[in-house]
Amino acid sequence: MGNNAVNIKYLKILGWIRDWFNRLRQDKNVVVFLVFLVIATGFWFLNALRKEYTATLSYPVKFVNIPEDKMLPDDFKSRIEVKVRAVGFVILRYQLSNTFLPLTFNVSEMQPLKTEAGEGVYTLTSGEHNKIVGQLSQGMELIDVNPDTLFVPLAEKSSKRVPVRVSADIGFEKQYLQAGPILVQPDSVMISGPKQVIDTVKYIETRELQLEGLADSISTVIPLIIPSQVKASEKRVTAIVPVEPFTELNLRIPLRVYGLPDSLRIKTFPSEIQVSFRVGMSKYGTIDESQFHAVVDASPVLREDRPDRLKVRLDKAPSNVESLSFSPIFVEYLLEKTR
């Protein structure tokens, strides 16, 4: 019901428009009137554009010859308001295109200035009158410039090379693992920017690398996260994730006991622990018992409330193994006097 009502409404509107055009076509006087109205309006508009007007235009400002050890703050945006007199055609062209070239100022020719907010340079725009006139669009007469003083803050510029750190969340197929650290090319980038900002940057991090179900090594390009006000020599790096199948190993590691005086001797039960871990096939033959240290601190037995068991701690293990675990975590003991 509702859709039918809407359709009827649109049909009535279309019928009204059709009838209006039919009447307009039949009434030639109306057509002639509209044609002359358009012509008269055009002549009036052209005549108005020949007259002179005063307008205030906003120009962007460009600075050149900045000292190598200085830079403009990223948030510094300068514009100059120029009051000009010109015929309407010239002003209209600006309003329609808005493509005025920026007014250029030479920083090396400006006067140095230090304030509580920082240091920079300045110039009186009244003294730049001829320069501004030379850069205005043809047909414009300069009347006034605002502001009367142009201040340009300059920040101390610094640069250094910092390492790239990869942020990654990687999953592997069953029986596969990461075969080593993620390789980054290049592994460092040159950064530059305001000294107070550059001094705080210790490294550049990548966007998080998210990969699932890897069963082979992979190379991918990752964008860098560049801090605000900092420019970097690279915007992205290549990350290589080495992947290989793994095997599970179990080794028995003897326990080392410390924390007892020479007058006492201790025996632990058991006297060794079993370590379990996963290792890539390429490193299978490089892992042995000597790379693990399992220790027990026996000093608690010297207390009046001596414990029934002692805790085992794994002090040393190879860095290229994964899913490392050991058992038992606690051992019983027998304490003896040596003399």
C-alpha atoms as a PDB file:
ATOM      1  CA  MET A   1       0.000   0.000   0.000  1.00  0.00           C
ATOM      2  CA  GLY A   2       2.792   2.388   0.956  1.00  0.00           C
ATOM      3  CA  ASN A   3       4.832   1.742  -2.224  1.00  0.00           C
ATOM      4  CA  ASN A   4       1.774   2.389  -4.417  1.00  0.00           C
ATOM      5  CA  ALA A   5       1.210   5.766  -2.740  1.00  0.00           C
ATOM      6  CA  VAL A   6       4.840   6.762  -3.370  1.00  0.00           C
ATOM      7  CA  ASN A   7       4.666   5.726  -7.014  1.00  0.00           C
ATOM      8  CA  ILE A   8       1.471   7.745  -7.527  1.00  0.00           C
ATOM      9  CA  LYS A   9       3.144  10.789  -5.970  1.00  0.00           C
ATOM     10  CA  TYR A  10       6.162  10.557  -8.315  1.00  0.00           C
ATOM     11  CA  LEU A  11       3.912  10.097 -11.326  1.00  0.00           C
ATOM     12  CA  LYS A  12       2.025  13.292 -10.429  1.00  0.00           C
ATOM     13  CA  ILE A  13       5.313  15.241 -10.151  1.00  0.00           C
ATOM     14  CA  LEU A  14       6.563  13.934 -13.503  1.00  0.00           C
ATOM     15  CA  GLY A  15       3.215  14.831 -15.088  1.00  0.00           C
ATOM     16  CA  TRP A  16       3.423  18.359 -13.719  1.00  0.00           C
ATOM     17  CA  ILE A  17       6.969  18.836 -15.087  1.00  0.00           C
ATOM     18  CA  ARG A  18       5.928  17.525 -18.500  1.00  0.00           C
ATOM     19  CA  ASP A  19       2.929  19.878 -18.608  1.00  0.00           C
ATOM     20  CA  TRP A  20       5.126  22.852 -17.603  1.00  0.00           C
ATOM     21  CA  PHE A  21       7.591  22.174 -20.447  1.00  0.00           C
ATOM     22  CA  ASN A  22       4.722  21.784 -22.917  1.00  0.00           C
ATOM     23  CA  ARG A  23       3.266  25.170 -21.912  1.00  0.00           C
ATOM     24  CA  LEU A  24       6.726  26.764 -22.064  1.00  0.00           C
ATOM     25  CA  ARG A  25       7.244  25.405 -25.587  1.00  0.00           C
ATOM     26  CA  GLN A  26       3.905  26.770 -26.693  1.00  0.00           C
ATOM     27  CA  ASP A  27       4.418  30.219 -25.115  1.00  0.00           C
ATOM     28  CA  LYS A  28       7.244  31.682 -27.247  1.00  0.00           C
ATOM     29  CA  ASN A  29       7.220  34.957 -25.322  1.00  0.00           C
ATOM     30  CA  VAL A  30       8.447  33.202 -22.183  1.00  0.00           C
ATOM     31  CA  VAL A  31      11.289  31.528 -24.093  1.00  0.00           C
ATOM     32  CA  VAL A  32      12.411  34.818 -25.605  1.00  0.00           C
ATOM     33  CA  PHE A  33      12.272  36.467 -22.194  1.00  0.00           C
ATOM     34  CA  LEU A  34      14.472  33.787 -20.621  1.00  0.00           C
ATOM     35  CA  VAL A  35      17.035  34.023 -23.430  1.00  0.00           C
ATOM     36  CA  PHE A  36      17.338  37.791 -23.088  1.00  0.00           C
ATOM     37  CA  LEU A  37      17.513  37.459 -19.297  1.00  0.00           C
ATOM     38  CA  VAL A  38      20.498  35.125 -19.587  1.00  0.00           C
ATOM     39  CA  ILE A  39      22.222  37.434 -22.089  1.00  0.00           C
ATOM     40  CA  ALA A  40      21.624  40.511 -19.936  1.00  0.00           C
ATOM     41  CA  THR A  41      22.932  38.720 -16.840  1.00  0.00           C
ATOM     42  CA  GLY A  42      26.071  37.705 -18.731  1.00  0.00           C
ATOM     43  CA  PHE A  43      26.731  41.248 -19.904  1.00  0.00           C
ATOM     44  CA  TRP A  44      26.186  42.573 -16.379  1.00  0.00           C
ATOM     45  CA  PHE A  45      28.580  40.002 -14.971  1.00  0.00           C
ATOM     46  CA  LEU A  46      31.279  40.797 -17.553  1.00  0.00           C
ATOM     47  CA  ASN A  47      30.912  44.509 -16.939  1.00  0.00           C
ATOM     48  CA  ALA A  48      31.209  43.971 -13.165  1.00  0.00           C
ATOM     49  CA  LEU A  49      34.409  41.939 -13.608  1.00  0.00           C
ATOM     50  CA  ARG A  50      36.056  44.841 -15.473  1.00  0.00           C
ATOM     51  CA  LYS A  51      35.849  47.033 -12.396  1.00  0.00           C
ATOM     52  CA  GLU A  52      38.567  47.239  -9.734  1.00  0.00           C
ATOM     53  CA  TYR A  53      38.063  45.612  -6.350  1.00  0.00           C
ATOM     54  CA  THR A  54      40.016  45.312  -3.120  1.00  0.00           C
ATOM     55  CA  ALA A  55      40.402  41.797  -1.727  1.00  0.00           C
ATOM     56  CA  THR A  56      42.410  40.009   0.965  1.00  0.00           C
ATOM     57  CA  LEU A  57      44.072  36.838  -0.309  1.00  0.00           C
ATOM     58  CA  SER A  58      45.814  34.154   1.742  1.00  0.00           C
ATOM     59  CA  TYR A  59      49.131  32.959   0.313  1.00  0.00           C
ATOM     60  CA  PRO A  60      51.142  29.916   1.475  1.00  0.00           C
ATOM     61  CA  VAL A  61      54.759  30.637   2.418  1.00  0.00           C
ATOM     62  CA  LYS A  62      57.798  28.613   1.367  1.00  0.00           C
ATOM     63  CA  PHE A  63      61.206  28.890   3.092  1.00  0.00           C
ATOM     64  CA  VAL A  64      64.483  28.125   1.306  1.00  0.00           C
ATOM     65  CA  ASN A  65      68.175  27.933   2.257  1.00  0.00           C
ATOM     66  CA  ILE A  66      67.513  26.512   5.749  1.00  0.00           C
ATOM     67  CA  PRO A  67      70.831  25.685   7.522  1.00  0.00           C
ATOM     68  CA  GLU A  68      71.743  21.981   7.334  1.00  0.00           C
ATOM     69  CA  ASP A  69      71.721  21.601  11.128  1.00  0.00           C
ATOM     70  CA  LYS A  70      68.284  23.240  11.464  1.00  0.00           C
ATOM     71  CA  MET A  71      64.778  22.337  10.358  1.00  0.00           C
ATOM     72  CA  LEU A  72      61.244  23.681  10.433  1.00  0.00           C
ATOM     73  CA  PRO A  73      58.959  22.041  13.012  1.00  0.00           C
ATOM     74  CA  ASP A  74      56.518  19.659  11.318  1.00  0.00           C
ATOM     75  CA  ASP A  75      53.531  21.483  12.752  1.00  0.00           C
ATOM     76  CA  PHE A  76      54.703  24.894  11.494  1.00  0.00           C
ATOM     77  CA  LYS A  77      52.427  26.138   8.739  1.00  0.00           C
ATOM     78  CA  SER A  78      52.790  29.765   7.682  1.00  0.00           C
ATOM     79  CA  ARG A  79      50.531  31.870   5.511  1.00  0.00           C
ATOM     80  CA  ILE A  80      50.539  35.565   4.657  1.00  0.00           C
ATOM     81  CA  GLU A  81      47.414  37.604   4.072  1.00  0.00           C
ATOM     82  CA  VAL A  82      47.938  40.020   1.214  1.00  0.00           C
ATOM     83  CA  LYS A  83      45.545  42.890   0.604  1.00  0.00           C
ATOM     84  CA  VAL A  84      45.489  43.645  -3.121  1.00  0.00           C
ATOM     85  CA  ARG A  85      43.651  45.773  -5.654  1.00  0.00           C
ATOM     86  CA  ALA A  86      42.831  44.229  -9.022  1.00  0.00           C
ATOM     87  CA  VAL A  87      40.105  43.960 -11.616  1.00  0.00           C
ATOM     88  CA  GLY A  88      37.429  41.376 -10.977  1.00  0.00           C
ATOM     89  CA  PHE A  89      38.752  38.983 -13.630  1.00  0.00           C
ATOM     90  CA  VAL A  90      42.080  38.561 -11.799  1.00  0.00           C
ATOM     91  CA  ILE A  91      40.471  38.081  -8.404  1.00  0.00           C
ATOM     92  CA  LEU A  92      37.904  35.659  -9.789  1.00  0.00           C
ATOM     93  CA  ARG A  93      40.651  33.607 -11.406  1.00  0.00           C
ATOM     94  CA  TYR A  94      42.294  33.239  -7.985  1.00  0.00           C
ATOM     95  CA  GLN A  95      39.028  32.355  -6.261  1.00  0.00           C
ATOM     96  CA  LEU A  96      38.252  29.670  -8.826  1.00  0.00           C
ATOM     97  CA  SER A  97      41.687  28.107  -9.204  1.00  0.00           C
ATOM     98  CA  ASN A  98      43.342  28.878  -5.840  1.00  0.00           C
ATOM     99  CA  THR A  99      46.659  27.954  -7.453  1.00  0.00           C
ATOM    100  CA  PHE A 100      48.826  30.856  -6.365  1.00  0.00           C
ATOM    101  CA  LEU A 101      52.443  29.846  -6.062  1.00  0.00           C
ATOM    102  CA  PRO A 102      53.751  30.197  -2.498  1.00  0.00           C
ATOM    103  CA  LEU A 103      55.597  33.343  -1.472  1.00  0.00           C
ATOM    104  CA  THR A 104      59.259  32.371  -1.074  1.00  0.00           C
ATOM    105  CA  PHE A 105      61.522  33.666   1.729  1.00  0.00           C
ATOM    106  CA  ASN A 106      65.263  33.061   2.070  1.00  0.00           C
ATOM    107  CA  VAL A 107      66.001  31.986   5.653  1.00  0.00           C
ATOM    108  CA  SER A 108      69.695  32.819   5.306  1.00  0.00           C
ATOM    109  CA  GLU A 109      68.755  36.484   4.699  1.00  0.00           C
ATOM    110  CA  MET A 110      66.470  36.723   7.753  1.00  0.00           C
ATOM    111  CA  GLN A 111      67.488  38.008  11.194  1.00  0.00           C
ATOM    112  CA  PRO A 112      68.191  35.545  14.067  1.00  0.00           C
ATOM    113  CA  LEU A 113      65.968  35.705  17.153  1.00  0.00           C
ATOM    114  CA  LYS A 114      65.911  33.831  20.472  1.00  0.00           C
ATOM    115  CA  THR A 115      62.851  33.678  22.704  1.00  0.00           C
ATOM    116  CA  GLU A 116      61.725  31.645  25.697  1.00  0.00           C
ATOM    117  CA  ALA A 117      59.863  29.372  23.290  1.00  0.00           C
ATOM    118  CA  GLY A 118      63.015  28.694  21.262  1.00  0.00           C
ATOM    119  CA  GLU A 119      65.153  30.147  18.525  1.00  0.00           C
ATOM    120  CA  GLY A 120      64.438  31.111  14.954  1.00  0.00           C
ATOM    121  CA  VAL A 121      64.641  33.923  12.431  1.00  0.00           C
ATOM    122  CA  TYR A 122      62.371  36.791  11.486  1.00  0.00           C
ATOM    123  CA  THR A 123      61.831  39.446   8.865  1.00  0.00           C
ATOM    124  CA  LEU A 124      59.650  42.531   8.569  1.00  0.00           C
ATOM    125  CA  THR A 125      57.195  41.940   5.745  1.00  0.00           C
ATOM    126  CA  SER A 126      57.203  45.671   5.003  1.00  0.00           C
ATOM    127  CA  GLY A 127      60.848  45.293   3.992  1.00  0.00           C
ATOM    128  CA  GLU A 128      59.898  42.459   1.653  1.00  0.00           C
ATOM    129  CA  HIS A 129      57.405  44.626  -0.257  1.00  0.00           C
ATOM    130  CA  ASN A 130      59.194  44.470  -3.614  1.00  0.00           C
ATOM    131  CA  LYS A 131      59.808  40.736  -3.285  1.00  0.00           C
ATOM    132  CA  ILE A 132      56.134  40.055  -2.555  1.00  0.00           C
ATOM    133  CA  VAL A 133      55.015  42.290  -5.420  1.00  0.00           C
ATOM    134  CA  GLY A 134      57.287  40.342  -7.779  1.00  0.00           C
ATOM    135  CA  GLN A 135      55.616  37.083  -6.769  1.00  0.00           C
ATOM    136  CA  LEU A 136      52.010  38.274  -7.002  1.00  0.00           C
ATOM    137  CA  SER A 137      49.834  37.328  -9.925  1.00  0.00           C
ATOM    138  CA  GLN A 138      50.041  39.700 -12.866  1.00  0.00           C
ATOM    139  CA  GLY A 139      47.592  42.596 -12.607  1.00  0.00           C
ATOM    140  CA  MET A 140      47.560  42.784  -8.803  1.00  0.00           C
ATOM    141  CA  GLU A 141      48.533  45.898  -6.841  1.00  0.00           C
ATOM    142  CA  LEU A 142      49.835  45.295  -3.311  1.00  0.00           C
ATOM    143  CA  ILE A 143      48.160  47.443  -0.643  1.00  0.00           C
ATOM    144  CA  ASP A 144      49.022  45.776   2.673  1.00  0.00           C
ATOM    145  CA  VAL A 145      50.655  42.638   4.133  1.00  0.00           C
ATOM    146  CA  ASN A 146      49.687  40.835   7.342  1.00  0.00           C
ATOM    147  CA  PRO A 147      51.441  39.954   9.610  1.00  0.00           C
ATOM    148  CA  ASP A 148      53.913  42.802   9.637  1.00  0.00           C
ATOM    149  CA  THR A 149      56.580  40.506  11.168  1.00  0.00           C
ATOM    150  CA  LEU A 150      57.167  36.969   9.954  1.00  0.00           C
ATOM    151  CA  PHE A 151      58.745  34.700  12.599  1.00  0.00           C
ATOM    152  CA  VAL A 152      60.130  31.312  11.591  1.00  0.00           C
ATOM    153  CA  PRO A 153      60.959  28.860  14.432  1.00  0.00           C
ATOM    154  CA  LEU A 154      63.964  26.610  13.764  1.00  0.00           C
ATOM    155  CA  ALA A 155      64.518  23.302  15.549  1.00  0.00           C
ATOM    156  CA  GLU A 156      67.941  21.711  15.990  1.00  0.00           C
ATOM    157  CA  LYS A 157      68.232  18.840  13.530  1.00  0.00           C
ATOM    158  CA  SER A 158      69.837  15.495  14.362  1.00  0.00           C
ATOM    159  CA  SER A 159      70.278  12.124  12.680  1.00  0.00           C
ATOM    160  CA  LYS A 160      71.485   8.664  13.662  1.00  0.00           C
ATOM    161  CA  ARG A 161      71.213   5.005  12.690  1.00  0.00           C
ATOM    162  CA  VAL A 162      68.947   2.801  14.794  1.00  0.00           C
ATOM    163  CA  PRO A 163      68.143  -0.936  14.616  1.00  0.00           C
ATOM    164  CA  VAL A 164      64.880  -2.309  13.258  1.00  0.00           C
ATOM    165  CA  ARG A 165      62.845  -4.460  15.645  1.00  0.00           C
ATOM    166  CA  VAL A 166      60.304  -6.910  14.231  1.00  0.00           C
ATOM    167  CA  SER A 167      56.972  -7.341  15.993  1.00  0.00           C
ATOM    168  CA  ALA A 168      55.609 -10.792  15.073  1.00  0.00           C
ATOM    169  CA  ASP A 169      52.780 -13.183  15.887  1.00  0.00           C
ATOM    170  CA  ILE A 170      53.568 -16.398  14.012  1.00  0.00           C
ATOM    171  CA  GLY A 171      51.931 -19.821  14.031  1.00  0.00           C
ATOM    172  CA  PHE A 172      53.345 -23.030  12.524  1.00  0.00           C
ATOM    173  CA  GLU A 173      52.041 -26.288  11.129  1.00  0.00           C
ATOM    174  CA  LYS A 174      52.420 -29.358  13.319  1.00  0.00           C
ATOM    175  CA  GLN A 175      55.996 -30.641  13.534  1.00  0.00           C
ATOM    176  CA  TYR A 176      57.412 -27.292  12.353  1.00  0.00           C
ATOM    177  CA  LEU A 177      59.029 -24.424  14.255  1.00  0.00           C
ATOM    178  CA  GLN A 178      61.051 -21.252  13.752  1.00  0.00           C
ATOM    179  CA  ALA A 179      64.600 -22.273  12.874  1.00  0.00           C
ATOM    180  CA  GLY A 180      66.258 -19.096  14.171  1.00  0.00           C
ATOM    181  CA  PRO A 181      65.794 -15.376  14.675  1.00  0.00           C
ATOM    182  CA  ILE A 182      63.833 -13.420  12.074  1.00  0.00           C
ATOM    183  CA  LEU A 183      66.266 -11.842   9.615  1.00  0.00           C
ATOM    184  CA  VAL A 184      65.632  -8.203   8.673  1.00  0.00           C
ATOM    185  CA  GLN A 185      66.958  -6.495   5.546  1.00  0.00           C
ATOM    186  CA  PRO A 186      68.049  -3.812   6.177  1.00  0.00           C
ATOM    187  CA  ASP A 187      68.497  -4.427   9.886  1.00  0.00           C
ATOM    188  CA  SER A 188      68.869  -0.698  10.645  1.00  0.00           C
ATOM    189  CA  VAL A 189      67.697   2.620   9.227  1.00  0.00           C
ATOM    190  CA  MET A 190      68.928   6.199   9.286  1.00  0.00           C
ATOM    191  CA  ILE A 191      66.506   8.570  10.981  1.00  0.00           C
ATOM    192  CA  SER A 192      66.483  12.367  11.174  1.00  0.00           C
ATOM    193  CA  GLY A 193      64.365  15.035  12.795  1.00  0.00           C
ATOM    194  CA  PRO A 194      64.288  17.403  15.772  1.00  0.00           C
ATOM    195  CA  LYS A 195      67.174  16.558  18.130  1.00  0.00           C
ATOM    196  CA  GLN A 196      64.975  16.300  21.227  1.00  0.00           C
ATOM    197  CA  VAL A 197      62.854  13.695  19.428  1.00  0.00           C
ATOM    198  CA  ILE A 198      65.701  11.761  17.773  1.00  0.00           C
ATOM    199  CA  ASP A 199      67.527  11.408  21.116  1.00  0.00           C
ATOM    200  CA  THR A 200      64.577   9.421  22.512  1.00  0.00           C
ATOM    201  CA  VAL A 201      64.356   6.931  19.626  1.00  0.00           C
ATOM    202  CA  LYS A 202      66.275   3.732  20.389  1.00  0.00           C
ATOM    203  CA  TYR A 203      64.869   1.559  17.605  1.00  0.00           C
ATOM    204  CA  ILE A 204      62.242   1.525  14.849  1.00  0.00           C
ATOM    205  CA  GLU A 205      59.555  -1.140  15.118  1.00  0.00           C
ATOM    206  CA  THR A 206      57.692  -2.824  12.268  1.00  0.00           C
ATOM    207  CA  ARG A 207      53.959  -3.260  12.035  1.00  0.00           C
ATOM    208  CA  GLU A 208      53.005  -6.599  13.544  1.00  0.00           C
ATOM    209  CA  LEU A 209      53.816  -9.525  11.253  1.00  0.00           C
ATOM    210  CA  GLN A 210      50.924 -11.973  11.525  1.00  0.00           C
ATOM    211  CA  LEU A 211      51.402 -15.395   9.903  1.00  0.00           C
ATOM    212  CA  GLU A 212      49.657 -18.727  10.455  1.00  0.00           C
ATOM    213  CA  GLY A 213      50.303 -22.317   9.441  1.00  0.00           C
ATOM    214  CA  LEU A 214      53.912 -21.909   8.280  1.00  0.00           C
ATOM    215  CA  ALA A 215      55.612 -25.065   7.034  1.00  0.00           C
ATOM    216  CA  ASP A 216      58.437 -23.413   5.098  1.00  0.00           C
ATOM    217  CA  SER A 217      60.661 -20.345   5.311  1.00  0.00           C
ATOM    218  CA  ILE A 218      59.021 -17.153   4.096  1.00  0.00           C
ATOM    219  CA  SER A 219      60.159 -13.676   3.002  1.00  0.00           C
ATOM    220  CA  THR A 220      57.754 -10.739   3.274  1.00  0.00           C
ATOM    221  CA  VAL A 221      57.813  -6.928   3.222  1.00  0.00           C
ATOM    222  CA  ILE A 222      56.662  -5.123   6.385  1.00  0.00           C
ATOM    223  CA  PRO A 223      55.999  -1.367   6.797  1.00  0.00           C
ATOM    224  CA  LEU A 224      57.863   0.483   9.538  1.00  0.00           C
ATOM    225  CA  ILE A 225      56.164   2.505  12.269  1.00  0.00           C
ATOM    226  CA  ILE A 226      57.828   5.908  11.935  1.00  0.00           C
ATOM    227  CA  PRO A 227      57.367   8.190  14.979  1.00  0.00           C
ATOM    228  CA  SER A 228      55.867  11.621  14.515  1.00  0.00           C
ATOM    229  CA  GLN A 229      58.317  14.344  13.348  1.00  0.00           C
ATOM    230  CA  VAL A 230      60.845  11.650  12.307  1.00  0.00           C
ATOM    231  CA  LYS A 231      61.986  10.863   8.779  1.00  0.00           C
ATOM    232  CA  ALA A 232      63.538   7.466   8.016  1.00  0.00           C
ATOM    233  CA  SER A 233      65.746   6.303   5.155  1.00  0.00           C
ATOM    234  CA  GLU A 234      63.395   3.341   4.644  1.00  0.00           C
ATOM    235  CA  LYS A 235      59.631   3.043   4.941  1.00  0.00           C
ATOM    236  CA  ARG A 236      59.541  -0.771   4.852  1.00  0.00           C
ATOM    237  CA  VAL A 237      61.897  -3.698   5.351  1.00  0.00           C
ATOM    238  CA  THR A 238      62.065  -7.324   4.263  1.00  0.00           C
ATOM    239  CA  ALA A 239      61.621  -9.945   7.002  1.00  0.00           C
ATOM    240  CA  ILE A 240      62.768 -13.535   6.482  1.00  0.00           C
ATOM    241  CA  VAL A 241      61.271 -16.136   8.829  1.00  0.00           C
ATOM    242  CA  PRO A 242      63.313 -19.389   8.772  1.00  0.00           C
ATOM    243  CA  VAL A 243      61.146 -22.490   9.275  1.00  0.00           C
ATOM    244  CA  GLU A 244      62.099 -26.170   9.556  1.00  0.00           C
ATOM    245  CA  PRO A 245      60.689 -29.440  10.921  1.00  0.00           C
ATOM    246  CA  PHE A 246      61.596 -30.303  14.500  1.00  0.00           C
ATOM    247  CA  THR A 247      62.188 -33.384  16.604  1.00  0.00           C
ATOM    248  CA  GLU A 248      61.646 -33.978  20.317  1.00  0.00           C
ATOM    249  CA  LEU A 249      64.552 -34.983  22.546  1.00  0.00           C
ATOM    250  CA  ASN A 250      64.863 -36.216  26.122  1.00  0.00           C
ATOM    251  CA  LEU A 251      68.147 -35.986  28.041  1.00  0.00           C
ATOM    252  CA  ARG A 252      69.141 -36.910  31.582  1.00  0.00           C
ATOM    253  CA  ILE A 253      71.044 -34.142  33.376  1.00  0.00           C
ATOM    254  CA  PRO A 254      72.944 -34.752  36.660  1.00  0.00           C
ATOM    255  CA  LEU A 255      72.045 -32.482  39.581  1.00  0.00           C
ATOM    256  CA  ARG A 256      74.623 -30.115  41.070  1.00  0.00           C
ATOM    257  CA  VAL A 257      74.212 -29.233  44.720  1.00  0.00           C
ATOM    258  CA  TYR A 258      75.518 -26.091  46.415  1.00  0.00           C
ATOM    259  CA  GLY A 259      74.937 -24.152  49.613  1.00  0.00           C
ATOM    260  CA  LEU A 260      76.359 -26.658  52.161  1.00  0.00           C
ATOM    261  CA  PRO A 261      79.404 -26.316  54.418  1.00  0.00           C
ATOM    262  CA  ASP A 262      82.270 -28.792  53.976  1.00  0.00           C
ATOM    263  CA  SER A 263      81.170 -30.642  57.095  1.00  0.00           C
ATOM    264  CA  LEU A 264      77.966 -31.837  55.439  1.00  0.00           C
ATOM    265  CA  ARG A 265      77.201 -33.981  52.435  1.00  0.00           C
ATOM    266  CA  ILE A 266      73.894 -34.495  50.701  1.00  0.00           C
ATOM    267  CA  LYS A 267      72.442 -37.096  48.384  1.00  0.00           C
ATOM    268  CA  THR A 268      69.383 -36.302  46.272  1.00  0.00           C
ATOM    269  CA  PHE A 269      66.758 -38.771  45.116  1.00  0.00           C
ATOM    270  CA  PRO A 270      66.840 -38.885  42.166  1.00  0.00           C
ATOM    271  CA  SER A 271      70.361 -37.637  41.436  1.00  0.00           C
ATOM    272  CA  GLU A 272      69.444 -36.438  37.953  1.00  0.00           C
ATOM    273  CA  ILE A 273      66.507 -34.960  36.104  1.00  0.00           C
ATOM    274  CA  GLN A 274      65.037 -35.506  32.674  1.00  0.00           C
ATOM    275  CA  VAL A 275      64.765 -32.533  30.308  1.00  0.00           C
ATOM    276  CA  SER A 276      62.435 -32.584  27.306  1.00  0.00           C
ATOM    277  CA  PHE A 277      62.524 -30.116  24.451  1.00  0.00           C
ATOM    278  CA  ARG A 278      61.983 -29.546  20.755  1.00  0.00           C
ATOM    279  CA  VAL A 279      64.831 -28.711  18.400  1.00  0.00           C
ATOM    280  CA  GLY A 280      65.063 -28.069  14.672  1.00  0.00           C
ATOM    281  CA  MET A 281      66.409 -30.890  12.552  1.00  0.00           C
ATOM    282  CA  SER A 282      69.390 -28.782  11.464  1.00  0.00           C
ATOM    283  CA  LYS A 283      70.516 -28.491  15.109  1.00  0.00           C
ATOM    284  CA  TYR A 284      69.681 -32.030  16.173  1.00  0.00           C
ATOM    285  CA  GLY A 285      73.307 -33.183  16.424  1.00  0.00           C
ATOM    286  CA  THR A 286      74.549 -30.064  18.212  1.00  0.00           C
ATOM    287  CA  ILE A 287      72.663 -30.533  21.524  1.00  0.00           C
ATOM    288  CA  ASP A 288      74.114 -32.618  24.399  1.00  0.00           C
ATOM    289  CA  GLU A 289      73.996 -32.882  28.215  1.00  0.00           C
ATOM    290  CA  SER A 290      76.923 -30.499  28.731  1.00  0.00           C
ATOM    291  CA  GLN A 291      74.800 -27.560  27.563  1.00  0.00           C
ATOM    292  CA  PHE A 292      72.402 -27.929  30.521  1.00  0.00           C
ATOM    293  CA  HIS A 293      73.002 -27.138  34.192  1.00  0.00           C
ATOM    294  CA  ALA A 294      70.495 -28.393  36.766  1.00  0.00           C
ATOM    295  CA  VAL A 295      71.160 -27.203  40.324  1.00  0.00           C
ATOM    296  CA  VAL A 296      69.739 -27.565  43.819  1.00  0.00           C
ATOM    297  CA  ASP A 297      70.231 -24.973  46.547  1.00  0.00           C
ATOM    298  CA  ALA A 298      70.727 -27.054  49.712  1.00  0.00           C
ATOM    299  CA  SER A 299      71.056 -24.120  52.151  1.00  0.00           C
ATOM    300  CA  PRO A 300      67.427 -24.489  53.394  1.00  0.00           C
ATOM    301  CA  VAL A 301      68.416 -27.766  55.142  1.00  0.00           C
ATOM    302  CA  LEU A 302      70.501 -25.721  57.597  1.00  0.00           C
ATOM    303  CA  ARG A 303      67.384 -24.091  59.034  1.00  0.00           C
ATOM    304  CA  GLU A 304      65.523 -25.462  62.030  1.00  0.00           C
ATOM    305  CA  ASP A 305      62.400 -25.862  59.868  1.00  0.00           C
ATOM    306  CA  ARG A 306      64.222 -27.771  57.165  1.00  0.00           C
ATOM    307  CA  PRO A 307      62.036 -28.753  54.178  1.00  0.00           C
ATOM    308  CA  ASP A 308      61.271 -32.344  53.239  1.00  0.00           C
ATOM    309  CA  ARG A 309      62.183 -31.685  49.622  1.00  0.00           C
ATOM    310  CA  LEU A 310      64.445 -29.318  47.694  1.00  0.00           C
ATOM    311  CA  LYS A 311      63.517 -27.435  44.565  1.00  0.00           C
ATOM    312  CA  VAL A 312      65.380 -28.017  41.286  1.00  0.00           C
ATOM    313  CA  ARG A 313      66.402 -25.093  39.128  1.00  0.00           C
ATOM    314  CA  LEU A 314      67.580 -25.248  35.504  1.00  0.00           C
ATOM    315  CA  ASP A 315      70.335 -22.643  35.404  1.00  0.00           C
ATOM    316  CA  LYS A 316      71.568 -23.157  31.864  1.00  0.00           C
ATOM    317  CA  ALA A 317      70.042 -24.370  28.599  1.00  0.00           C
ATOM    318  CA  PRO A 318      70.729 -23.820  24.888  1.00  0.00           C
ATOM    319  CA  SER A 319      68.949 -20.831  23.365  1.00  0.00           C
ATOM    320  CA  ASN A 320      67.940 -22.721  20.208  1.00  0.00           C
ATOM    321  CA  VAL A 321      65.557 -25.185  21.873  1.00  0.00           C
ATOM    322  CA  GLU A 322      61.814 -24.722  22.415  1.00  0.00           C
ATOM    323  CA  SER A 323      59.086 -26.048  24.709  1.00  0.00           C
ATOM    324  CA  LEU A 324      61.698 -26.868  27.331  1.00  0.00           C
ATOM    325  CA  SER A 325      60.507 -28.693  30.447  1.00  0.00           C
ATOM    326  CA  PHE A 326      62.057 -30.922  33.099  1.00  0.00           C
ATOM    327  CA  SER A 327      61.075 -33.309  35.868  1.00  0.00           C
ATOM    328  CA  PRO A 328      61.048 -33.777  38.746  1.00  0.00           C
ATOM    329  CA  ILE A 329      60.735 -30.218  40.021  1.00  0.00           C
ATOM    330  CA  PHE A 330      61.404 -31.284  43.639  1.00  0.00           C
ATOM    331  CA  VAL A 331      63.795 -33.977  44.950  1.00  0.00           C
ATOM    332  CA  GLU A 332      64.095 -35.718  48.289  1.00  0.00           C
ATOM    333  CA  TYR A 333      67.467 -35.847  50.037  1.00  0.00           C
ATOM    334  CA  LEU A 334      69.616 -37.537  52.631  1.00  0.00           C
ATOM    335  CA  LEU A 335      71.929 -35.379  54.723  1.00  0.00           C
ATOM    336  CA  GLU A 336      75.206 -36.825  56.112  1.00  0.00           C
ATOM    337  CA  LYS A 337      78.136 -35.496  58.123  1.00  0.00           C
ATOM    338  CA  THR A 338      81.544 -35.837  56.517  1.00  0.00           C
ATOM    339  CA  ARG A 339      83.386 -35.976  59.860  1.00  0.00           C
END
